[in-house]
């Protein structure tokens, strides 16, 4: 597997809701240099004071503060989905969730040229851990400039990428619309420079095509702000082209906004509860079908593909389709995440994500920790060639078998 930027950025599985907030502090350490919000934090202030007074080398307050905030979440909050993001991390993540960013429009990855299966050995770029182009996005500046899949990026604006990380280089390649960036590349035995003008990029969250037998295939790669509109348009095009059944691929979709999940599930569910949300203090919210979906007719067979990378909002949708009997779930169990996070920007433009609630299926089940269980389990053996897809093949069989009603009851029997 490669570390594709869109997945790296989308792999923060708590990215579901945004809101503002603030932290009020009071109290102080004895010498007045550190304000403590409570007596429990007095030792933290004392440790800070002693570091500043006694440490042999000069200390950077920004780094100390970042370390303290990270520690709050890493050691103080026993929740893998709550956490701290540096200013750069926060801005990149926001761009991914909005479905828009400014850059050249290319997916990049790290490749271990000595042992492709050992990406853990590539924390930084080097002669053997190279930065490669997975693909330029359609109609992007990268595509127009001639960037090609497999190109190895050696330098950005004349500076070698070696010794940096994938995220470091993503930050350098992105920038303001209209500005230029020069990539030094190795393409086979050739080396060349490409200068590309950055622009506003709208991420393509949906891919679709018509399969044999008038089966409409539609894959959703994330639940960004633009995902629901893109999905609606692509689904409508398949139906206009005469699709008699639908395969909905949610594999490796890490989630996103829960209102996007509501809208996309509503494309197939005409009415009723999609999911419920429960917060501290007993607050509850019901998320109902919007009633304006394109494929709510139960006579239109639907197969939903999932795996262990289908998480969060993907699980909201697949669980709703399963429990309402609208579609059959095919593949492997999903990730198993039923929490909702709020994101807040801090004064230095860094950010925190904090779990504020849990969500439940229409039958009030939790998908944590075991995930949504498929109605039809399909294993993908290790070493399966990239051009083979046993899960998709099984879905096609389910949809084309004459006796199939494509219902979870039949599949589970």
Protein backbone atom coordinates (compact mmCIF):
# COMPACT_ATOMS: atom_id res chain seq x y z
CA UNK A 1 0.00 0.00 0.00
CA UNK A 2 1.08 3.57 -0.52
CA UNK A 3 0.48 6.59 1.65
CA UNK A 4 -1.83 8.56 -0.60
CA UNK A 5 -2.15 12.15 0.52
CA UNK A 6 -5.92 12.21 0.36
CA UNK A 7 -6.08 9.20 2.67
CA UNK A 8 -3.43 10.50 4.98
CA UNK A 9 -5.33 13.69 5.34
CA UNK A 10 -8.68 11.91 5.52
CA UNK A 11 -7.42 9.16 7.94
CA UNK A 12 -8.21 11.48 11.03
CA UNK A 13 -11.37 9.48 11.59
CA UNK A 14 -12.95 12.00 13.99
CA UNK A 15 -13.42 14.66 11.34
CA UNK A 16 -17.16 15.13 11.60
CA UNK A 17 -18.29 18.47 13.05
CA UNK A 18 -16.92 21.98 13.58
CA UNK A 19 -17.67 24.55 16.26
CA UNK A 20 -16.01 27.36 18.13
CA UNK A 21 -15.02 27.42 21.74
CA UNK A 22 -12.62 28.76 24.31
CA UNK A 23 -10.83 27.80 27.49
CA UNK A 24 -10.99 30.14 30.46
CA UNK A 25 -8.12 29.93 32.93
CA UNK A 26 -7.62 31.22 36.42
CA UNK A 27 -5.17 30.99 39.28
CA UNK A 28 -1.39 31.26 39.03
CA UNK A 29 1.82 29.65 40.13
CA UNK A 30 3.64 31.17 43.06
CA UNK A 31 5.89 33.44 41.01
CA UNK A 32 3.07 34.50 38.67
CA UNK A 33 4.63 33.37 35.38
CA UNK A 34 2.06 30.66 34.61
CA UNK A 35 -1.73 30.77 34.98
CA UNK A 36 -3.35 27.51 36.15
CA UNK A 37 -7.04 26.72 35.49
CA UNK A 38 -7.23 24.67 38.70
CA UNK A 39 -5.07 23.48 41.60
CA UNK A 40 -4.41 20.24 39.71
CA UNK A 41 -2.45 22.22 37.12
CA UNK A 42 -0.21 23.95 39.66
CA UNK A 43 2.46 21.28 39.18
CA UNK A 44 2.41 21.87 35.42
CA UNK A 45 3.04 25.56 35.96
CA UNK A 46 5.80 24.79 38.44
CA UNK A 47 7.46 22.41 35.95
CA UNK A 48 7.30 25.09 33.27
CA UNK A 49 8.83 27.69 35.58
CA UNK A 50 11.69 25.38 36.58
CA UNK A 51 12.43 24.44 32.98
CA UNK A 52 12.65 28.10 32.00
CA UNK A 53 14.84 28.94 34.98
CA UNK A 54 17.18 25.94 35.10
CA UNK A 55 17.40 24.13 31.75
CA UNK A 56 20.90 24.28 30.28
CA UNK A 57 19.84 25.34 26.75
CA UNK A 58 17.43 27.96 25.48
CA UNK A 59 13.85 26.74 25.26
CA UNK A 60 11.19 27.64 22.72
CA UNK A 61 7.85 28.51 24.34
CA UNK A 62 5.95 27.52 21.19
CA UNK A 63 7.42 24.03 21.27
CA UNK A 64 6.82 23.71 25.01
CA UNK A 65 3.19 24.76 24.61
CA UNK A 66 2.63 22.36 21.71
CA UNK A 67 4.13 19.52 23.71
CA UNK A 68 1.93 20.32 26.70
CA UNK A 69 -1.24 20.41 24.57
CA UNK A 70 -0.35 17.16 22.85
CA UNK A 71 0.23 15.64 26.27
CA UNK A 72 -3.24 16.67 27.43
CA UNK A 73 -4.78 14.57 24.69
CA UNK A 74 -2.25 11.74 24.47
CA UNK A 75 -2.02 10.98 28.18
CA UNK A 76 -4.92 12.80 29.81
CA UNK A 77 -7.74 11.83 27.42
CA UNK A 78 -8.14 8.13 26.77
CA UNK A 79 -9.65 8.63 23.35
CA UNK A 80 -7.80 7.99 20.08
CA UNK A 81 -10.12 10.31 18.17
CA UNK A 82 -9.54 13.41 20.28
CA UNK A 83 -6.25 15.18 19.66
CA UNK A 84 -4.14 18.20 18.83
CA UNK A 85 -3.11 19.43 15.37
CA UNK A 86 -0.34 21.89 14.66
CA UNK A 87 -1.24 24.94 12.54
CA UNK A 88 0.01 23.21 9.37
CA UNK A 89 -1.76 19.94 10.20
CA UNK A 90 -4.98 21.76 11.01
CA UNK A 91 -5.04 23.79 7.80
CA UNK A 92 -4.28 20.75 5.63
CA UNK A 93 -7.02 18.76 7.35
CA UNK A 94 -9.51 21.59 6.87
CA UNK A 95 -8.73 21.64 3.17
CA UNK A 96 -9.38 17.92 2.91
CA UNK A 97 -12.70 18.14 4.72
CA UNK A 98 -13.92 21.13 2.74
CA UNK A 99 -13.35 19.21 -0.47
CA UNK A 100 -11.31 22.14 -1.78
CA UNK A 101 -7.68 23.23 -1.48
CA UNK A 102 -5.15 25.30 -3.40
CA UNK A 103 -2.25 23.52 -5.00
CA UNK A 104 -1.32 21.64 -8.16
CA UNK A 105 -3.88 18.83 -7.91
CA UNK A 106 -1.87 15.62 -7.61
CA UNK A 107 -1.95 12.62 -5.32
CA UNK A 108 1.48 11.81 -3.90
CA UNK A 109 2.80 8.85 -1.95
CA UNK A 110 5.89 7.41 -0.33
CA UNK A 111 7.41 4.32 -1.94
CA UNK A 112 10.08 2.07 -0.45
CA UNK A 113 12.11 1.06 -3.49
CA UNK A 114 14.00 -1.67 -1.60
CA UNK A 115 11.03 -3.27 0.17
CA UNK A 116 7.68 -1.95 -1.10
CA UNK A 117 5.76 -3.73 1.67
CA UNK A 118 7.72 -2.01 4.47
CA UNK A 119 6.50 1.59 4.59
CA UNK A 120 7.16 1.67 8.33
CA UNK A 121 10.83 1.91 7.38
CA UNK A 122 10.16 5.21 5.62
CA UNK A 123 9.40 7.86 8.28
CA UNK A 124 11.43 10.31 6.15
CA UNK A 125 12.17 10.61 2.47
CA UNK A 126 15.56 9.31 1.30
CA UNK A 127 17.30 7.69 -1.66
CA UNK A 128 15.27 4.52 -1.09
CA UNK A 129 12.10 6.08 0.44
CA UNK A 130 11.05 8.19 -2.51
CA UNK A 131 8.21 10.64 -3.10
CA UNK A 132 6.18 9.48 -6.11
CA UNK A 133 3.20 10.83 -8.03
CA UNK A 134 0.24 8.47 -7.76
CA UNK A 135 -1.79 10.42 -10.31
CA UNK A 136 -2.64 13.99 -11.26
CA UNK A 137 -6.26 14.90 -10.62
CA UNK A 138 -8.47 15.32 -13.65
CA UNK A 139 -8.44 18.84 -15.17
CA UNK A 140 -5.80 20.00 -12.65
CA UNK A 141 -2.72 22.19 -13.18
CA UNK A 142 -0.60 19.07 -12.57
CA UNK A 143 -2.32 17.24 -15.43
CA UNK A 144 -2.04 20.25 -17.75
CA UNK A 145 1.69 20.57 -16.99
CA UNK A 146 2.32 16.94 -17.90
CA UNK A 147 2.92 15.40 -14.47
CA UNK A 148 2.62 11.62 -14.80
CA UNK A 149 1.91 8.67 -12.48
CA UNK A 150 5.17 7.16 -11.30
CA UNK A 151 7.19 10.38 -11.52
CA UNK A 152 9.66 10.56 -8.62
CA UNK A 153 9.91 14.01 -7.06
CA UNK A 154 13.51 14.81 -6.21
CA UNK A 155 13.23 18.46 -5.19
CA UNK A 156 10.66 21.22 -4.69
CA UNK A 157 11.75 24.72 -5.72
CA UNK A 158 15.35 23.53 -5.85
CA UNK A 159 15.41 22.00 -2.36
CA UNK A 160 15.91 18.24 -2.05
CA UNK A 161 13.01 16.36 -0.49
CA UNK A 162 15.38 13.97 1.31
CA UNK A 163 15.26 14.24 5.08
CA UNK A 164 11.69 15.61 5.07
CA UNK A 165 8.29 13.90 5.30
CA UNK A 166 5.37 13.46 2.95
CA UNK A 167 3.42 16.06 4.93
CA UNK A 168 6.32 18.51 4.74
CA UNK A 169 6.34 18.33 0.95
CA UNK A 170 2.55 18.56 0.65
CA UNK A 171 2.77 21.82 2.56
CA UNK A 172 5.45 23.12 0.20
CA UNK A 173 3.65 22.12 -2.99
CA UNK A 174 0.38 23.69 -1.87
CA UNK A 175 0.10 27.46 -1.86
CA UNK A 176 -1.81 30.50 -3.01
CA UNK A 177 -3.65 30.36 -6.35
CA UNK A 178 -1.64 31.92 -9.18
CA UNK A 179 1.75 31.26 -7.58
CA UNK A 180 4.23 28.81 -9.13
CA UNK A 181 6.09 25.79 -7.82
CA UNK A 182 8.88 23.91 -9.59
CA UNK A 183 9.18 20.15 -9.20
CA UNK A 184 12.41 18.38 -10.10
CA UNK A 185 11.50 14.90 -11.32
CA UNK A 186 12.97 11.57 -12.29
CA UNK A 187 10.96 9.84 -15.02
CA UNK A 188 12.58 6.56 -15.91
CA UNK A 189 16.17 7.42 -16.86
CA UNK A 190 15.28 11.07 -17.54
CA UNK A 191 15.39 14.03 -15.15
CA UNK A 192 13.38 17.19 -15.76
CA UNK A 193 11.88 20.25 -14.10
CA UNK A 194 8.19 21.11 -14.27
CA UNK A 195 6.94 24.53 -13.20
CA UNK A 196 3.25 24.42 -12.29
CA UNK A 197 0.92 27.30 -11.46
CA UNK A 198 -1.18 26.58 -8.38
CA UNK A 199 -4.96 26.87 -8.51
CA UNK A 200 -8.06 26.11 -6.50
CA UNK A 201 -8.67 22.36 -6.59
CA UNK A 202 -12.02 20.68 -5.98
CA UNK A 203 -11.44 17.12 -4.80
CA UNK A 204 -13.19 14.39 -6.71
CA UNK A 205 -15.00 12.43 -4.03
CA UNK A 206 -17.02 10.23 -6.40
CA UNK A 207 -16.15 7.90 -9.26
CA UNK A 208 -18.81 6.09 -11.25
CA UNK A 209 -19.28 3.95 -14.33
CA UNK A 210 -21.74 1.55 -15.92
CA UNK A 211 -20.88 -2.15 -15.66
CA UNK A 212 -22.17 -4.96 -17.83
CA UNK A 213 -25.79 -5.82 -17.25
CA UNK A 214 -26.75 -2.18 -16.67
CA UNK A 215 -25.25 -2.26 -13.17
CA UNK A 216 -24.41 1.24 -12.02
CA UNK A 217 -21.17 1.38 -9.99
CA UNK A 218 -20.55 4.40 -7.75
CA UNK A 219 -17.66 4.78 -5.29
CA UNK A 220 -17.50 7.44 -2.58
CA UNK A 221 -14.03 8.27 -1.27
CA UNK A 222 -14.88 10.74 1.51
CA UNK A 223 -17.68 12.72 3.16
CA UNK A 224 -16.40 16.26 2.55
CA UNK A 225 -18.56 19.34 2.15
CA UNK A 226 -18.84 18.70 -1.59
CA UNK A 227 -19.42 14.94 -1.39
CA UNK A 228 -23.22 14.88 -1.20
CA UNK A 229 -23.69 17.09 -4.28
CA UNK A 230 -21.11 15.11 -6.26
CA UNK A 231 -22.78 11.85 -5.26
CA UNK A 232 -26.26 13.12 -6.18
CA UNK A 233 -25.07 14.17 -9.64
CA UNK A 234 -23.23 10.91 -10.36
CA UNK A 235 -26.07 8.72 -9.10
CA UNK A 236 -28.56 10.66 -11.22
CA UNK A 237 -26.39 10.16 -14.31
CA UNK A 238 -26.28 6.38 -13.76
CA UNK A 239 -30.05 6.21 -13.40
CA UNK A 240 -30.54 8.39 -16.48
CA UNK A 241 -28.30 5.96 -18.39
CA UNK A 242 -30.62 3.10 -17.48
CA UNK A 243 -28.99 1.47 -14.45
CA UNK A 244 -31.22 -1.38 -13.21
CA UNK A 245 -29.20 -1.97 -10.01
CA UNK A 246 -26.53 -0.13 -8.03
CA UNK A 247 -23.22 -1.10 -6.46
CA UNK A 248 -22.24 1.49 -3.84
CA UNK A 249 -18.55 1.20 -2.90
CA UNK A 250 -17.58 2.54 0.53
CA UNK A 251 -14.33 0.60 0.91
CA UNK A 252 -11.46 2.55 2.47
CA UNK A 253 -13.70 5.59 2.98
CA UNK A 254 -12.56 7.06 6.33
CA UNK A 255 -15.62 9.27 6.90
CA UNK A 256 -16.21 12.99 7.19
CA UNK A 257 -19.20 15.22 7.90
CA UNK A 258 -22.24 13.52 9.41
CA UNK A 259 -24.67 15.79 7.55
CA UNK A 260 -23.12 14.47 4.33
CA UNK A 261 -23.78 10.95 5.63
CA UNK A 262 -27.42 11.85 6.25
CA UNK A 263 -27.86 13.24 2.72
CA UNK A 264 -26.11 10.34 0.99
CA UNK A 265 -28.01 7.67 2.94
CA UNK A 266 -31.20 9.54 2.04
CA UNK A 267 -30.50 8.91 -1.65
CA UNK A 268 -31.58 5.32 -0.95
CA UNK A 269 -33.81 5.60 2.14
CA UNK A 270 -37.08 7.46 1.60
CA UNK A 271 -38.13 8.11 5.20
CA UNK A 272 -37.37 7.30 8.80
CA UNK A 273 -34.37 7.45 11.07
CA UNK A 274 -30.88 7.31 9.56
CA UNK A 275 -29.03 7.54 12.89
CA UNK A 276 -29.27 9.21 16.30
CA UNK A 277 -26.69 11.24 18.19
CA UNK A 278 -26.32 11.29 21.99
CA UNK A 279 -24.19 13.83 23.83
CA UNK A 280 -23.22 14.44 27.45
CA UNK A 281 -26.06 15.51 29.71
CA UNK A 282 -28.51 13.24 27.91
CA UNK A 283 -28.94 15.48 24.87
CA UNK A 284 -30.23 13.53 21.87
CA UNK A 285 -30.67 14.36 18.19
CA UNK A 286 -32.42 12.36 15.50
CA UNK A 287 -31.14 12.47 11.92
CA UNK A 288 -34.02 11.56 9.61
CA UNK A 289 -34.05 10.82 5.89
CA UNK A 290 -34.41 14.01 3.87
CA UNK A 291 -37.12 12.55 1.61
CA UNK A 292 -35.62 13.70 -1.69
CA UNK A 293 -33.42 10.75 -2.67
CA UNK A 294 -33.04 9.53 -6.25
CA UNK A 295 -32.89 5.78 -5.59
CA UNK A 296 -35.34 5.13 -2.77
CA UNK A 297 -37.46 2.66 -4.77
CA UNK A 298 -36.95 -0.71 -3.03
CA UNK A 299 -37.33 -2.48 -6.37
CA UNK A 300 -33.92 -1.03 -7.39
CA UNK A 301 -31.43 -3.59 -6.00
CA UNK A 302 -28.52 -2.16 -4.02
CA UNK A 303 -25.23 -3.76 -2.95
CA UNK A 304 -22.90 -1.88 -0.58
CA UNK A 305 -19.19 -2.74 -0.47
CA UNK A 306 -17.28 -2.23 2.80
CA UNK A 307 -14.03 -3.24 4.49
CA UNK A 308 -11.95 -2.40 7.54
CA UNK A 309 -11.15 1.00 6.10
CA UNK A 310 -14.82 1.99 5.97
CA UNK A 311 -15.20 4.14 9.07
CA UNK A 312 -17.34 6.70 10.86
CA UNK A 313 -19.69 8.34 8.33
CA UNK A 314 -19.25 5.28 6.08
CA UNK A 315 -20.55 3.18 8.94
CA UNK A 316 -23.51 5.52 9.49
CA UNK A 317 -24.57 4.97 5.88
CA UNK A 318 -23.88 1.24 5.62
CA UNK A 319 -25.56 0.50 8.97
CA UNK A 320 -28.66 2.48 7.98
CA UNK A 321 -28.91 0.70 4.63
CA UNK A 322 -28.51 -2.66 6.34
CA UNK A 323 -30.97 -2.15 9.20
CA UNK A 324 -33.65 -0.60 6.97
CA UNK A 325 -33.33 -3.55 4.59
CA UNK A 326 -32.54 -1.24 1.70
CA UNK A 327 -29.32 -2.95 0.63
CA UNK A 328 -27.08 -5.96 1.17
CA UNK A 329 -23.67 -5.32 2.73
CA UNK A 330 -20.78 -7.20 1.08
CA UNK A 331 -17.11 -7.44 2.07
CA UNK A 332 -15.43 -7.38 5.50
CA UNK A 333 -16.44 -5.82 8.85
CA UNK A 334 -16.05 -2.05 8.99
CA UNK A 335 -13.71 -0.10 11.29
CA UNK A 336 -15.99 0.24 14.34
CA UNK A 337 -16.17 3.95 15.27
CA UNK A 338 -19.34 5.52 16.68
CA UNK A 339 -18.10 8.83 18.08
CA UNK A 340 -18.51 12.40 16.81
CA UNK A 341 -15.86 15.10 17.14
CA UNK A 342 -15.96 18.89 17.22
CA UNK A 343 -12.98 20.75 15.77
CA UNK A 344 -11.88 24.08 17.23
CA UNK A 345 -9.18 26.48 16.03
CA UNK A 346 -6.90 27.82 18.77
CA UNK A 347 -5.40 31.30 18.98
CA UNK A 348 -2.20 30.29 17.15
CA UNK A 349 -4.23 28.67 14.31
CA UNK A 350 -3.53 25.18 15.56
CA UNK A 351 -6.57 23.06 16.33
CA UNK A 352 -8.04 20.44 18.61
CA UNK A 353 -10.62 17.76 17.93
CA UNK A 354 -12.73 16.65 20.89
CA UNK A 355 -15.22 13.80 21.09
CA UNK A 356 -18.58 15.33 22.01
CA UNK A 357 -21.08 12.55 21.35
CA UNK A 358 -21.78 9.03 20.13
CA UNK A 359 -24.06 7.98 17.31
CA UNK A 360 -26.29 4.92 17.03
CA UNK A 361 -27.91 2.99 14.21
CA UNK A 362 -31.67 3.15 13.47
CA UNK A 363 -32.15 0.16 15.82
CA UNK A 364 -29.97 1.94 18.43
CA UNK A 365 -27.00 -0.34 18.03
CA UNK A 366 -23.39 0.78 18.39
CA UNK A 367 -20.90 -0.18 15.68
CA UNK A 368 -18.03 0.04 18.19
CA UNK A 369 -15.85 -1.93 18.45
CA UNK A 370 -16.79 -4.68 15.98
CA UNK A 371 -18.00 -2.56 13.06
CA UNK A 372 -20.87 -3.15 10.67
CA UNK A 373 -20.94 -6.86 9.88
CA UNK A 374 -21.39 -7.76 6.21
CA UNK A 375 -24.39 -9.80 5.13
CA UNK A 376 -22.14 -11.51 2.61
CA UNK A 377 -18.56 -11.93 3.85
CA UNK A 378 -15.88 -11.94 1.18
CA UNK A 379 -12.20 -12.31 2.00
CA UNK A 380 -9.50 -10.82 -0.20
CA UNK A 381 -6.44 -13.11 -0.06
CA UNK A 382 -3.02 -11.54 0.42
CA UNK A 383 -1.29 -11.07 -2.87
CA UNK A 384 -4.50 -10.62 -4.87
CA UNK A 385 -3.49 -8.85 -8.11
CA UNK A 386 -4.53 -5.22 -8.42
CA UNK A 387 -6.68 -6.00 -11.46
CA UNK A 388 -8.78 -8.54 -9.52
CA UNK A 389 -11.58 -7.58 -7.13
CA UNK A 390 -13.31 -10.53 -5.43
CA UNK A 391 -15.66 -8.25 -3.47
CA UNK A 392 -16.90 -6.44 -6.57
CA UNK A 393 -17.22 -9.77 -8.40
CA UNK A 394 -19.38 -11.15 -5.59
CA UNK A 395 -21.60 -8.06 -5.66
CA UNK A 396 -22.12 -8.48 -9.40
CA UNK A 397 -23.04 -12.13 -8.82
CA UNK A 398 -25.52 -11.17 -6.10
CA UNK A 399 -27.16 -8.61 -8.37
CA UNK A 400 -27.34 -10.84 -11.44
CA UNK A 401 -28.36 -14.19 -9.89
CA UNK A 402 -31.96 -14.75 -11.09
CA UNK A 403 -33.20 -15.97 -7.71
CA UNK A 404 -31.61 -13.08 -5.84
CA UNK A 405 -33.86 -10.51 -4.26
CA UNK A 406 -30.67 -8.80 -3.01
CA UNK A 407 -32.02 -8.58 0.51
CA UNK A 408 -30.02 -9.02 3.69
CA UNK A 409 -32.46 -11.71 4.83
CA UNK A 410 -31.67 -13.89 1.82
CA UNK A 411 -27.94 -13.24 2.03
CA UNK A 412 -27.76 -14.02 5.73
CA UNK A 413 -29.72 -17.29 5.50
